[in-house]
PDB file of all heavy atoms in Angstrom:
ATOM      1  N   LEU A   1     -21.585  42.959 -68.409  1.00  0.00           N
ATOM      2  CA  LEU A   1     -21.937  42.436 -67.093  1.00  0.00           C
ATOM      3  C   LEU A   1     -21.005  42.998 -66.028  1.00  0.00           C
ATOM      4  O   LEU A   1     -19.796  43.102 -66.245  1.00  0.00           O
ATOM      5  CB  LEU A   1     -21.840  40.908 -67.072  1.00  0.00           C
ATOM      6  CG  LEU A   1     -22.843  40.164 -67.938  1.00  0.00           C
ATOM      7  CD1 LEU A   1     -22.516  38.678 -67.974  1.00  0.00           C
ATOM      8  CD2 LEU A   1     -24.255  40.374 -67.410  1.00  0.00           C
ATOM      9  N   ARG A   2     -21.573  43.337 -64.873  1.00  0.00           N
ATOM     10  CA  ARG A   2     -20.808  43.822 -63.728  1.00  0.00           C
ATOM     11  C   ARG A   2     -21.371  43.162 -62.488  1.00  0.00           C
ATOM     12  O   ARG A   2     -22.573  42.955 -62.381  1.00  0.00           O
ATOM     13  CB  ARG A   2     -20.939  45.330 -63.575  1.00  0.00           C
ATOM     14  CG  ARG A   2     -20.371  46.090 -64.744  1.00  0.00           C
ATOM     15  CD  ARG A   2     -21.207  47.315 -65.014  1.00  0.00           C
ATOM     16  NE  ARG A   2     -20.960  47.803 -66.345  1.00  0.00           N
ATOM     17  CZ  ARG A   2     -20.282  48.899 -66.613  1.00  0.00           C
ATOM     18  NH1 ARG A   2     -19.788  49.624 -65.661  1.00  0.00           N
ATOM     19  NH2 ARG A   2     -20.106  49.272 -67.859  1.00  0.00           N
ATOM     20  N   ALA A   3     -20.503  42.864 -61.544  1.00  0.00           N
ATOM     21  CA  ALA A   3     -20.947  42.292 -60.272  1.00  0.00           C
ATOM     22  C   ALA A   3     -20.252  43.029 -59.140  1.00  0.00           C
ATOM     23  O   ALA A   3     -19.052  43.325 -59.218  1.00  0.00           O
ATOM     24  CB  ALA A   3     -20.629  40.806 -60.209  1.00  0.00           C
ATOM     25  N   LEU A   4     -21.033  43.337 -58.120  1.00  0.00           N
ATOM     26  CA  LEU A   4     -20.518  44.085 -56.972  1.00  0.00           C
ATOM     27  C   LEU A   4     -21.168  43.559 -55.702  1.00  0.00           C
ATOM     28  O   LEU A   4     -22.186  42.880 -55.747  1.00  0.00           O
ATOM     29  CB  LEU A   4     -20.866  45.575 -57.107  1.00  0.00           C
ATOM     30  CG  LEU A   4     -20.415  46.250 -58.374  1.00  0.00           C
ATOM     31  CD1 LEU A   4     -21.593  46.630 -59.226  1.00  0.00           C
ATOM     32  CD2 LEU A   4     -19.623  47.480 -58.049  1.00  0.00           C
ATOM     33  N   SER A   5     -20.593  43.939 -54.587  1.00  0.00           N
ATOM     34  CA  SER A   5     -21.250  43.693 -53.318  1.00  0.00           C
ATOM     35  C   SER A   5     -22.549  44.488 -53.317  1.00  0.00           C
ATOM     36  O   SER A   5     -22.587  45.627 -53.778  1.00  0.00           O
ATOM     37  CB  SER A   5     -20.356  44.158 -52.169  1.00  0.00           C
ATOM     38  OG  SER A   5     -21.089  44.173 -50.967  1.00  0.00           O
ATOM     39  N   ALA A   6     -23.616  43.899 -52.790  1.00  0.00           N
ATOM     40  CA  ALA A   6     -24.889  44.607 -52.695  1.00  0.00           C
ATOM     41  C   ALA A   6     -25.092  45.178 -51.298  1.00  0.00           C
ATOM     42  O   ALA A   6     -26.194  45.535 -50.919  1.00  0.00           O
ATOM     43  CB  ALA A   6     -26.043  43.680 -53.060  1.00  0.00           C
ATOM     44  N   VAL A   7     -24.002  45.281 -50.533  1.00  0.00           N
ATOM     45  CA  VAL A   7     -24.065  45.805 -49.167  1.00  0.00           C
ATOM     46  C   VAL A   7     -23.574  47.252 -49.175  1.00  0.00           C
ATOM     47  O   VAL A   7     -22.397  47.521 -49.459  1.00  0.00           O
ATOM     48  CB  VAL A   7     -23.211  44.951 -48.210  1.00  0.00           C
ATOM     49  CG1 VAL A   7     -23.246  45.521 -46.804  1.00  0.00           C
ATOM     50  CG2 VAL A   7     -23.688  43.506 -48.210  1.00  0.00           C
ATOM     51  N   CYS A   8     -24.478  48.184 -48.887  1.00  0.00           N
ATOM     52  CA  CYS A   8     -24.116  49.603 -48.855  1.00  0.00           C
ATOM     53  C   CYS A   8     -23.000  49.830 -47.840  1.00  0.00           C
ATOM     54  O   CYS A   8     -23.009  49.260 -46.749  1.00  0.00           O
ATOM     55  CB  CYS A   8     -25.343  50.442 -48.496  1.00  0.00           C
ATOM     56  SG  CYS A   8     -25.010  52.215 -48.484  1.00  0.00           S
ATOM     57  N   THR A   9     -22.054  50.678 -48.208  1.00  0.00           N
ATOM     58  CA  THR A   9     -20.910  50.943 -47.326  1.00  0.00           C
ATOM     59  C   THR A   9     -21.249  51.912 -46.205  1.00  0.00           C
ATOM     60  O   THR A   9     -20.395  52.203 -45.372  1.00  0.00           O
ATOM     61  CB  THR A   9     -19.718  51.479 -48.134  1.00  0.00           C
ATOM     62  OG1 THR A   9     -20.096  52.697 -48.790  1.00  0.00           O
ATOM     63  CG2 THR A   9     -19.253  50.467 -49.162  1.00  0.00           C
ATOM     64  N   HIS A  10     -22.489  52.383 -46.143  1.00  0.00           N
ATOM     65  CA  HIS A  10     -22.886  53.285 -45.066  1.00  0.00           C
ATOM     66  C   HIS A  10     -23.347  52.489 -43.845  1.00  0.00           C
ATOM     67  O   HIS A  10     -22.655  52.463 -42.834  1.00  0.00           O
ATOM     68  CB  HIS A  10     -23.986  54.244 -45.553  1.00  0.00           C
ATOM     69  CG  HIS A  10     -24.486  55.172 -44.515  1.00  0.00           C
ATOM     70  ND1 HIS A  10     -25.831  55.353 -44.281  1.00  0.00           N
ATOM     71  CD2 HIS A  10     -23.851  55.964 -43.630  1.00  0.00           C
ATOM     72  CE1 HIS A  10     -25.986  56.224 -43.307  1.00  0.00           C
ATOM     73  NE2 HIS A  10     -24.801  56.615 -42.887  1.00  0.00           N
ATOM     74  N   LEU A  11     -24.486  51.797 -43.956  1.00  0.00           N
ATOM     75  CA  LEU A  11     -25.017  51.046 -42.807  1.00  0.00           C
ATOM     76  C   LEU A  11     -25.419  49.619 -43.177  1.00  0.00           C
ATOM     77  O   LEU A  11     -26.296  49.030 -42.545  1.00  0.00           O
ATOM     78  CB  LEU A  11     -26.219  51.778 -42.194  1.00  0.00           C
ATOM     79  CG  LEU A  11     -25.898  53.095 -41.498  1.00  0.00           C
ATOM     80  CD1 LEU A  11     -27.179  53.760 -40.994  1.00  0.00           C
ATOM     81  CD2 LEU A  11     -24.938  52.883 -40.335  1.00  0.00           C
ATOM     82  N   ASP A  12     -24.793  49.067 -44.200  1.00  0.00           N
ATOM     83  CA  ASP A  12     -24.997  47.665 -44.596  1.00  0.00           C
ATOM     84  C   ASP A  12     -26.387  47.327 -45.121  1.00  0.00           C
ATOM     85  O   ASP A  12     -26.787  46.172 -45.118  1.00  0.00           O
ATOM     86  CB  ASP A  12     -24.633  46.705 -43.458  1.00  0.00           C
ATOM     87  CG  ASP A  12     -23.160  46.737 -43.124  1.00  0.00           C
ATOM     88  OD1 ASP A  12     -22.359  47.176 -43.975  1.00  0.00           O
ATOM     89  OD2 ASP A  12     -22.805  46.322 -42.009  1.00  0.00           O
ATOM     90  N   CYS A  13     -27.148  48.309 -45.584  1.00  0.00           N
ATOM     91  CA  CYS A  13     -28.426  48.025 -46.237  1.00  0.00           C
ATOM     92  C   CYS A  13     -28.137  47.372 -47.591  1.00  0.00           C
ATOM     93  O   CYS A  13     -27.048  47.508 -48.136  1.00  0.00           O
ATOM     94  CB  CYS A  13     -29.217  49.310 -46.468  1.00  0.00           C
ATOM     95  SG  CYS A  13     -29.714  50.138 -44.947  1.00  0.00           S
ATOM     96  N   THR A  14     -29.119  46.676 -48.141  1.00  0.00           N
ATOM     97  CA  THR A  14     -28.956  46.055 -49.458  1.00  0.00           C
ATOM     98  C   THR A  14     -29.321  47.060 -50.541  1.00  0.00           C
ATOM     99  O   THR A  14     -30.400  47.654 -50.511  1.00  0.00           O
ATOM    100  CB  THR A  14     -29.834  44.803 -49.575  1.00  0.00           C
ATOM    101  OG1 THR A  14     -29.451  43.883 -48.554  1.00  0.00           O
ATOM    102  CG2 THR A  14     -29.668  44.132 -50.935  1.00  0.00           C
ATOM    103  N   VAL A  15     -28.415  47.255 -51.487  1.00  0.00           N
ATOM    104  CA  VAL A  15     -28.635  48.187 -52.594  1.00  0.00           C
ATOM    105  C   VAL A  15     -29.409  47.491 -53.704  1.00  0.00           C
ATOM    106  O   VAL A  15     -29.450  46.267 -53.782  1.00  0.00           O
ATOM    107  CB  VAL A  15     -27.300  48.758 -53.134  1.00  0.00           C
ATOM    108  CG1 VAL A  15     -26.552  49.513 -52.059  1.00  0.00           C
ATOM    109  CG2 VAL A  15     -26.436  47.658 -53.722  1.00  0.00           C
ATOM    110  N   LYS A  16     -30.011  48.266 -54.586  1.00  0.00           N
ATOM    111  CA  LYS A  16     -30.756  47.761 -55.741  1.00  0.00           C
ATOM    112  C   LYS A  16     -30.326  48.535 -56.984  1.00  0.00           C
ATOM    113  O   LYS A  16     -29.885  49.678 -56.897  1.00  0.00           O
ATOM    114  CB  LYS A  16     -32.267  47.979 -55.551  1.00  0.00           C
ATOM    115  CG  LYS A  16     -32.844  47.386 -54.299  1.00  0.00           C
ATOM    116  CD  LYS A  16     -33.035  45.922 -54.429  1.00  0.00           C
ATOM    117  CE  LYS A  16     -33.758  45.392 -53.193  1.00  0.00           C
ATOM    118  NZ  LYS A  16     -33.543  44.042 -52.923  1.00  0.00           N
ATOM    119  N   TYR A  17     -30.486  47.904 -58.144  1.00  0.00           N
ATOM    120  CA  TYR A  17     -30.227  48.584 -59.404  1.00  0.00           C
ATOM    121  C   TYR A  17     -31.461  49.373 -59.806  1.00  0.00           C
ATOM    122  O   TYR A  17     -32.580  48.863 -59.742  1.00  0.00           O
ATOM    123  CB  TYR A  17     -29.868  47.569 -60.490  1.00  0.00           C
ATOM    124  CG  TYR A  17     -29.622  48.213 -61.830  1.00  0.00           C
ATOM    125  CD1 TYR A  17     -28.533  49.056 -62.021  1.00  0.00           C
ATOM    126  CD2 TYR A  17     -30.483  48.007 -62.891  1.00  0.00           C
ATOM    127  CE1 TYR A  17     -28.306  49.670 -63.245  1.00  0.00           C
ATOM    128  CE2 TYR A  17     -30.263  48.607 -64.127  1.00  0.00           C
ATOM    129  CZ  TYR A  17     -29.175  49.442 -64.288  1.00  0.00           C
ATOM    130  OH  TYR A  17     -28.958  50.049 -65.498  1.00  0.00           O
ATOM    131  N   ARG A  18     -31.273  50.631 -60.209  1.00  0.00           N
ATOM    132  CA  ARG A  18     -32.369  51.484 -60.685  1.00  0.00           C
ATOM    133  C   ARG A  18     -32.237  51.636 -62.200  1.00  0.00           C
ATOM    134  O   ARG A  18     -31.433  52.438 -62.684  1.00  0.00           O
ATOM    135  CB  ARG A  18     -32.286  52.871 -60.031  1.00  0.00           C
ATOM    136  CG  ARG A  18     -32.569  52.931 -58.552  1.00  0.00           C
ATOM    137  CD  ARG A  18     -34.045  53.114 -58.231  1.00  0.00           C
ATOM    138  NE  ARG A  18     -34.672  54.174 -58.971  1.00  0.00           N
ATOM    139  CZ  ARG A  18     -34.897  55.405 -58.502  1.00  0.00           C
ATOM    140  NH1 ARG A  18     -34.530  55.738 -57.282  1.00  0.00           N
ATOM    141  NH2 ARG A  18     -35.497  56.300 -59.259  1.00  0.00           N
ATOM    142  N   PRO A  19     -33.005  50.861 -62.975  1.00  0.00           N
ATOM    143  CA  PRO A  19     -32.892  50.954 -64.434  1.00  0.00           C
ATOM    144  C   PRO A  19     -33.260  52.328 -64.979  1.00  0.00           C
ATOM    145  O   PRO A  19     -32.726  52.751 -65.996  1.00  0.00           O
ATOM    146  CB  PRO A  19     -33.841  49.875 -64.958  1.00  0.00           C
ATOM    147  CG  PRO A  19     -34.646  49.418 -63.814  1.00  0.00           C
ATOM    148  CD  PRO A  19     -33.970  49.859 -62.557  1.00  0.00           C
ATOM    149  N   ASP A  20     -34.164  53.047 -64.300  1.00  0.00           N
ATOM    150  CA  ASP A  20     -34.555  54.376 -64.767  1.00  0.00           C
ATOM    151  C   ASP A  20     -33.390  55.365 -64.688  1.00  0.00           C
ATOM    152  O   ASP A  20     -33.292  56.294 -65.485  1.00  0.00           O
ATOM    153  CB  ASP A  20     -35.759  54.898 -63.991  1.00  0.00           C
ATOM    154  CG  ASP A  20     -35.531  54.926 -62.479  1.00  0.00           C
ATOM    155  OD1 ASP A  20     -34.797  54.066 -61.946  1.00  0.00           O
ATOM    156  OD2 ASP A  20     -36.098  55.810 -61.810  1.00  0.00           O
ATOM    157  N   LEU A  21     -32.496  55.157 -63.724  1.00  0.00           N
ATOM    158  CA  LEU A  21     -31.325  56.037 -63.564  1.00  0.00           C
ATOM    159  C   LEU A  21     -30.030  55.406 -64.072  1.00  0.00           C
ATOM    160  O   LEU A  21     -29.017  56.081 -64.181  1.00  0.00           O
ATOM    161  CB  LEU A  21     -31.146  56.386 -62.078  1.00  0.00           C
ATOM    162  CG  LEU A  21     -32.321  57.067 -61.381  1.00  0.00           C
ATOM    163  CD1 LEU A  21     -32.043  57.194 -59.887  1.00  0.00           C
ATOM    164  CD2 LEU A  21     -32.575  58.427 -62.000  1.00  0.00           C
ATOM    165  N   GLN A  22     -30.061  54.099 -64.320  1.00  0.00           N
ATOM    166  CA  GLN A  22     -28.877  53.310 -64.676  1.00  0.00           C
ATOM    167  C   GLN A  22     -27.788  53.499 -63.613  1.00  0.00           C
ATOM    168  O   GLN A  22     -26.617  53.690 -63.916  1.00  0.00           O
ATOM    169  CB  GLN A  22     -28.377  53.650 -66.079  1.00  0.00           C
ATOM    170  CG  GLN A  22     -29.386  53.255 -67.133  1.00  0.00           C
ATOM    171  CD  GLN A  22     -28.889  53.467 -68.546  1.00  0.00           C
ATOM    172  OE1 GLN A  22     -27.742  53.781 -68.789  1.00  0.00           O
ATOM    173  NE2 GLN A  22     -29.778  53.270 -69.499  1.00  0.00           N
ATOM    174  N   LYS A  23     -28.222  53.425 -62.347  1.00  0.00           N
ATOM    175  CA  LYS A  23     -27.323  53.568 -61.205  1.00  0.00           C
ATOM    176  C   LYS A  23     -27.752  52.582 -60.117  1.00  0.00           C
ATOM    177  O   LYS A  23     -28.842  52.018 -60.155  1.00  0.00           O
ATOM    178  CB  LYS A  23     -27.376  54.988 -60.665  1.00  0.00           C
ATOM    179  CG  LYS A  23     -26.892  56.022 -61.676  1.00  0.00           C
ATOM    180  CD  LYS A  23     -26.559  57.325 -61.042  1.00  0.00           C
ATOM    181  CE  LYS A  23     -26.049  58.371 -61.971  1.00  0.00           C
ATOM    182  NZ  LYS A  23     -25.790  58.127 -63.312  1.00  0.00           N
ATOM    183  N   ILE A  24     -26.892  52.392 -59.140  1.00  0.00           N
ATOM    184  CA  ILE A  24     -27.177  51.535 -57.994  1.00  0.00           C
ATOM    185  C   ILE A  24     -27.605  52.444 -56.847  1.00  0.00           C
ATOM    186  O   ILE A  24     -26.936  53.437 -56.550  1.00  0.00           O
ATOM    187  CB  ILE A  24     -25.929  50.711 -57.623  1.00  0.00           C
ATOM    188  CG1 ILE A  24     -25.501  49.850 -58.817  1.00  0.00           C
ATOM    189  CG2 ILE A  24     -26.205  49.851 -56.395  1.00  0.00           C
ATOM    190  CD1 ILE A  24     -24.106  49.279 -58.701  1.00  0.00           C
ATOM    191  N   HIS A  25     -28.711  52.096 -56.213  1.00  0.00           N
ATOM    192  CA  HIS A  25     -29.329  52.972 -55.217  1.00  0.00           C
ATOM    193  C   HIS A  25     -29.500  52.249 -53.889  1.00  0.00           C
ATOM    194  O   HIS A  25     -29.871  51.079 -53.850  1.00  0.00           O
ATOM    195  CB  HIS A  25     -30.699  53.412 -55.749  1.00  0.00           C
ATOM    196  CG  HIS A  25     -31.454  54.282 -54.828  1.00  0.00           C
ATOM    197  ND1 HIS A  25     -32.619  53.889 -54.224  1.00  0.00           N
ATOM    198  CD2 HIS A  25     -31.217  55.549 -54.384  1.00  0.00           C
ATOM    199  CE1 HIS A  25     -33.076  54.870 -53.471  1.00  0.00           C
ATOM    200  NE2 HIS A  25     -32.248  55.882 -53.543  1.00  0.00           N
ATOM    201  N   CYS A  26     -29.239  52.952 -52.803  1.00  0.00           N
ATOM    202  CA  CYS A  26     -29.542  52.464 -51.470  1.00  0.00           C
ATOM    203  C   CYS A  26     -30.699  53.298 -50.926  1.00  0.00           C
ATOM    204  O   CYS A  26     -30.554  54.504 -50.720  1.00  0.00           O
ATOM    205  CB  CYS A  26     -28.333  52.567 -50.539  1.00  0.00           C
ATOM    206  SG  CYS A  26     -28.722  51.951 -48.884  1.00  0.00           S
ATOM    207  N   ALA A  27     -31.828  52.644 -50.711  1.00  0.00           N
ATOM    208  CA  ALA A  27     -33.024  53.352 -50.269  1.00  0.00           C
ATOM    209  C   ALA A  27     -32.965  53.761 -48.802  1.00  0.00           C
ATOM    210  O   ALA A  27     -33.724  54.626 -48.377  1.00  0.00           O
ATOM    211  CB  ALA A  27     -34.257  52.488 -50.517  1.00  0.00           C
ATOM    212  N   CYS A  28     -32.075  53.173 -48.017  1.00  0.00           N
ATOM    213  CA  CYS A  28     -32.023  53.489 -46.583  1.00  0.00           C
ATOM    214  C   CYS A  28     -31.765  54.982 -46.333  1.00  0.00           C
ATOM    215  O   CYS A  28     -32.440  55.596 -45.519  1.00  0.00           O
ATOM    216  CB  CYS A  28     -30.954  52.662 -45.888  1.00  0.00           C
ATOM    217  SG  CYS A  28     -31.371  50.914 -45.773  1.00  0.00           S
ATOM    218  N   HIS A  29     -30.772  55.537 -47.015  1.00  0.00           N
ATOM    219  CA  HIS A  29     -30.437  56.950 -46.820  1.00  0.00           C
ATOM    220  C   HIS A  29     -30.151  57.648 -48.142  1.00  0.00           C
ATOM    221  O   HIS A  29     -29.383  58.596 -48.200  1.00  0.00           O
ATOM    222  CB  HIS A  29     -29.255  57.094 -45.855  1.00  0.00           C
ATOM    223  CG  HIS A  29     -29.565  56.578 -44.500  1.00  0.00           C
ATOM    224  ND1 HIS A  29     -29.139  55.334 -44.083  1.00  0.00           N
ATOM    225  CD2 HIS A  29     -30.283  57.096 -43.490  1.00  0.00           C
ATOM    226  CE1 HIS A  29     -29.582  55.125 -42.846  1.00  0.00           C
ATOM    227  NE2 HIS A  29     -30.281  56.167 -42.470  1.00  0.00           N
ATOM    228  N   ASN A  30     -30.743  57.135 -49.226  1.00  0.00           N
ATOM    229  CA  ASN A  30     -30.655  57.727 -50.559  1.00  0.00           C
ATOM    230  C   ASN A  30     -29.231  57.802 -51.103  1.00  0.00           C
ATOM    231  O   ASN A  30     -28.858  58.756 -51.771  1.00  0.00           O
ATOM    232  CB  ASN A  30     -31.318  59.111 -50.574  1.00  0.00           C
ATOM    233  CG  ASN A  30     -31.881  59.436 -51.934  1.00  0.00           C
ATOM    234  OD1 ASN A  30     -32.232  58.543 -52.693  1.00  0.00           O
ATOM    235  ND2 ASN A  30     -31.955  60.709 -52.254  1.00  0.00           N
ATOM    236  N   GLY A  31     -28.438  56.783 -50.816  1.00  0.00           N
ATOM    237  CA  GLY A  31     -27.083  56.707 -51.377  1.00  0.00           C
ATOM    238  C   GLY A  31     -27.145  56.264 -52.829  1.00  0.00           C
ATOM    239  O   GLY A  31     -28.018  55.499 -53.230  1.00  0.00           O
ATOM    240  N   MET A  32     -26.214  56.749 -53.641  1.00  0.00           N
ATOM    241  CA  MET A  32     -26.191  56.422 -55.061  1.00  0.00           C
ATOM    242  C   MET A  32     -24.771  56.050 -55.470  1.00  0.00           C
ATOM    243  O   MET A  32     -23.799  56.692 -55.057  1.00  0.00           O
ATOM    244  CB  MET A  32     -26.668  57.633 -55.868  1.00  0.00           C
ATOM    245  CG  MET A  32     -27.068  57.312 -57.276  1.00  0.00           C
ATOM    246  SD  MET A  32     -28.598  56.373 -57.427  1.00  0.00           S
ATOM    247  CE  MET A  32     -29.811  57.557 -56.881  1.00  0.00           C
ATOM    248  N   TYR A  33     -24.667  54.988 -56.279  1.00  0.00           N
ATOM    249  CA  TYR A  33     -23.393  54.502 -56.811  1.00  0.00           C
ATOM    250  C   TYR A  33     -23.497  54.395 -58.329  1.00  0.00           C
ATOM    251  O   TYR A  33     -24.573  54.128 -58.863  1.00  0.00           O
ATOM    252  CB  TYR A  33     -23.079  53.101 -56.281  1.00  0.00           C
ATOM    253  CG  TYR A  33     -22.960  52.976 -54.786  1.00  0.00           C
ATOM    254  CD1 TYR A  33     -24.074  52.720 -53.995  1.00  0.00           C
ATOM    255  CD2 TYR A  33     -21.722  53.069 -54.160  1.00  0.00           C
ATOM    256  CE1 TYR A  33     -23.965  52.567 -52.623  1.00  0.00           C
ATOM    257  CE2 TYR A  33     -21.600  52.915 -52.786  1.00  0.00           C
ATOM    258  CZ  TYR A  33     -22.726  52.668 -52.030  1.00  0.00           C
ATOM    259  OH  TYR A  33     -22.603  52.507 -50.673  1.00  0.00           O
ATOM    260  N   ASP A  34     -22.353  54.532 -59.017  1.00  0.00           N
ATOM    261  CA  ASP A  34     -22.360  54.290 -60.454  1.00  0.00           C
ATOM    262  C   ASP A  34     -22.210  52.787 -60.703  1.00  0.00           C
ATOM    263  O   ASP A  34     -22.111  51.992 -59.758  1.00  0.00           O
ATOM    264  CB  ASP A  34     -21.301  55.131 -61.177  1.00  0.00           C
ATOM    265  CG  ASP A  34     -19.861  54.734 -60.894  1.00  0.00           C
ATOM    266  OD1 ASP A  34     -19.595  53.639 -60.338  1.00  0.00           O
ATOM    267  OD2 ASP A  34     -18.970  55.531 -61.223  1.00  0.00           O
ATOM    268  N   LEU A  35     -22.160  52.375 -61.954  1.00  0.00           N
ATOM    269  CA  LEU A  35     -22.109  50.951 -62.288  1.00  0.00           C
ATOM    270  C   LEU A  35     -20.758  50.314 -61.988  1.00  0.00           C
ATOM    271  O   LEU A  35     -20.624  49.092 -62.070  1.00  0.00           O
ATOM    272  CB  LEU A  35     -22.489  50.729 -63.754  1.00  0.00           C
ATOM    273  CG  LEU A  35     -23.933  51.090 -64.101  1.00  0.00           C
ATOM    274  CD1 LEU A  35     -24.235  50.736 -65.538  1.00  0.00           C
ATOM    275  CD2 LEU A  35     -24.918  50.442 -63.166  1.00  0.00           C
ATOM    276  N   ASN A  36     -19.768  51.115 -61.642  1.00  0.00           N
ATOM    277  CA  ASN A  36     -18.481  50.581 -61.199  1.00  0.00           C
ATOM    278  C   ASN A  36     -18.398  50.540 -59.676  1.00  0.00           C
ATOM    279  O   ASN A  36     -17.360  50.207 -59.120  1.00  0.00           O
ATOM    280  CB  ASN A  36     -17.325  51.416 -61.761  1.00  0.00           C
ATOM    281  CG  ASN A  36     -17.244  51.292 -63.257  1.00  0.00           C
ATOM    282  OD1 ASN A  36     -17.319  50.196 -63.809  1.00  0.00           O
ATOM    283  ND2 ASN A  36     -17.117  52.415 -63.947  1.00  0.00           N
ATOM    284  N   GLY A  37     -19.494  50.929 -59.008  1.00  0.00           N
ATOM    285  CA  GLY A  37     -19.543  50.891 -57.558  1.00  0.00           C
ATOM    286  C   GLY A  37     -19.024  52.141 -56.875  1.00  0.00           C
ATOM    287  O   GLY A  37     -18.985  52.203 -55.652  1.00  0.00           O
ATOM    288  N   GLN A  38     -18.642  53.155 -57.648  1.00  0.00           N
ATOM    289  CA  GLN A  38     -18.144  54.397 -57.050  1.00  0.00           C
ATOM    290  C   GLN A  38     -19.306  55.164 -56.432  1.00  0.00           C
ATOM    291  O   GLN A  38     -20.346  55.321 -57.054  1.00  0.00           O
ATOM    292  CB  GLN A  38     -17.445  55.271 -58.104  1.00  0.00           C
ATOM    293  CG  GLN A  38     -16.190  54.650 -58.673  1.00  0.00           C
ATOM    294  CD  GLN A  38     -15.139  54.411 -57.611  1.00  0.00           C
ATOM    295  OE1 GLN A  38     -14.825  55.289 -56.819  1.00  0.00           O
ATOM    296  NE2 GLN A  38     -14.592  53.211 -57.591  1.00  0.00           N
ATOM    297  N   ASN A  39     -19.130  55.633 -55.192  1.00  0.00           N
ATOM    298  CA  ASN A  39     -20.189  56.380 -54.535  1.00  0.00           C
ATOM    299  C   ASN A  39     -20.315  57.764 -55.175  1.00  0.00           C
ATOM    300  O   ASN A  39     -19.334  58.457 -55.385  1.00  0.00           O
ATOM    301  CB  ASN A  39     -19.984  56.448 -53.027  1.00  0.00           C
ATOM    302  CG  ASN A  39     -18.556  56.652 -52.597  1.00  0.00           C
ATOM    303  OD1 ASN A  39     -17.635  56.132 -53.214  1.00  0.00           O
ATOM    304  ND2 ASN A  39     -18.352  57.413 -51.549  1.00  0.00           N
ATOM    305  N   LEU A  40     -21.556  58.128 -55.510  1.00  0.00           N
ATOM    306  CA  LEU A  40     -21.836  59.380 -56.200  1.00  0.00           C
ATOM    307  C   LEU A  40     -22.480  60.423 -55.292  1.00  0.00           C
ATOM    308  O   LEU A  40     -22.198  61.606 -55.419  1.00  0.00           O
ATOM    309  CB  LEU A  40     -22.765  59.133 -57.395  1.00  0.00           C
ATOM    310  CG  LEU A  40     -22.239  58.200 -58.478  1.00  0.00           C
ATOM    311  CD1 LEU A  40     -23.332  57.907 -59.493  1.00  0.00           C
ATOM    312  CD2 LEU A  40     -21.024  58.801 -59.140  1.00  0.00           C
ATOM    313  N   SER A  41     -23.384  59.965 -54.420  1.00  0.00           N
ATOM    314  CA  SER A  41     -24.092  60.915 -53.555  1.00  0.00           C
ATOM    315  C   SER A  41     -24.621  60.193 -52.327  1.00  0.00           C
ATOM    316  O   SER A  41     -24.655  58.963 -52.278  1.00  0.00           O
ATOM    317  CB  SER A  41     -25.237  61.582 -54.310  1.00  0.00           C
ATOM    318  OG  SER A  41     -26.202  60.620 -54.683  1.00  0.00           O
ATOM    319  N   GLY A  42     -25.056  60.984 -51.367  1.00  0.00           N
ATOM    320  CA  GLY A  42     -25.572  60.432 -50.132  1.00  0.00           C
ATOM    321  C   GLY A  42     -24.454  60.145 -49.146  1.00  0.00           C
ATOM    322  O   GLY A  42     -23.309  60.536 -49.365  1.00  0.00           O
ATOM    323  N   PRO A  43     -24.766  59.412 -48.085  1.00  0.00           N
ATOM    324  CA  PRO A  43     -23.776  59.195 -47.028  1.00  0.00           C
ATOM    325  C   PRO A  43     -22.757  58.070 -47.243  1.00  0.00           C
ATOM    326  O   PRO A  43     -21.835  57.965 -46.440  1.00  0.00           O
ATOM    327  CB  PRO A  43     -24.654  58.894 -45.804  1.00  0.00           C
ATOM    328  CG  PRO A  43     -25.888  58.285 -46.369  1.00  0.00           C
ATOM    329  CD  PRO A  43     -26.101  58.987 -47.693  1.00  0.00           C
ATOM    330  N   PRO A  44     -22.857  57.195 -48.274  1.00  0.00           N
ATOM    331  CA  PRO A  44     -21.873  56.115 -48.360  1.00  0.00           C
ATOM    332  C   PRO A  44     -20.435  56.656 -48.401  1.00  0.00           C
ATOM    333  O   PRO A  44     -20.101  57.488 -49.244  1.00  0.00           O
ATOM    334  CB  PRO A  44     -22.214  55.400 -49.666  1.00  0.00           C
ATOM    335  CG  PRO A  44     -23.669  55.664 -49.865  1.00  0.00           C
ATOM    336  CD  PRO A  44     -23.874  57.054 -49.337  1.00  0.00           C
ATOM    337  N   PRO A  45     -19.580  56.160 -47.480  1.00  0.00           N
ATOM    338  CA  PRO A  45     -18.215  56.674 -47.400  1.00  0.00           C
ATOM    339  C   PRO A  45     -17.222  56.023 -48.367  1.00  0.00           C
ATOM    340  O   PRO A  45     -16.165  56.578 -48.633  1.00  0.00           O
ATOM    341  CB  PRO A  45     -17.813  56.369 -45.958  1.00  0.00           C
ATOM    342  CG  PRO A  45     -18.576  55.130 -45.622  1.00  0.00           C
ATOM    343  CD  PRO A  45     -19.893  55.271 -46.365  1.00  0.00           C
ATOM    344  N   ARG A  46     -17.566  54.837 -48.896  1.00  0.00           N
ATOM    345  CA  ARG A  46     -16.641  54.096 -49.755  1.00  0.00           C
ATOM    346  C   ARG A  46     -17.386  53.487 -50.939  1.00  0.00           C
ATOM    347  O   ARG A  46     -18.596  53.275 -50.865  1.00  0.00           O
ATOM    348  CB  ARG A  46     -15.989  52.942 -48.972  1.00  0.00           C
ATOM    349  CG  ARG A  46     -15.084  53.356 -47.853  1.00  0.00           C
ATOM    350  CD  ARG A  46     -14.535  52.153 -47.075  1.00  0.00           C
ATOM    351  NE  ARG A  46     -15.544  51.173 -46.654  1.00  0.00           N
ATOM    352  CZ  ARG A  46     -16.404  51.338 -45.646  1.00  0.00           C
ATOM    353  NH1 ARG A  46     -16.408  52.454 -44.955  1.00  0.00           N
ATOM    354  NH2 ARG A  46     -17.262  50.383 -45.325  1.00  0.00           N
ATOM    355  N   PRO A  47     -16.653  53.133 -51.985  1.00  0.00           N
ATOM    356  CA  PRO A  47     -17.270  52.438 -53.122  1.00  0.00           C
ATOM    357  C   PRO A  47     -17.706  51.025 -52.724  1.00  0.00           C
ATOM    358  O   PRO A  47     -17.240  50.471 -51.725  1.00  0.00           O
ATOM    359  CB  PRO A  47     -16.151  52.365 -54.161  1.00  0.00           C
ATOM    360  CG  PRO A  47     -15.113  53.318 -53.711  1.00  0.00           C
ATOM    361  CD  PRO A  47     -15.249  53.461 -52.233  1.00  0.00           C
TER     362      PRO A  47
END
């Protein structure tokens, strides 16, 4: 189990879990985070 803020660090959109990718995704600007909340791609500036 992991729990994180669901507020994207880019523009405060709500992120969702993508089971197909096993990653956390922000649909607003295609930001992607790993399961530890580390930003992987897109515009999010912080985990």
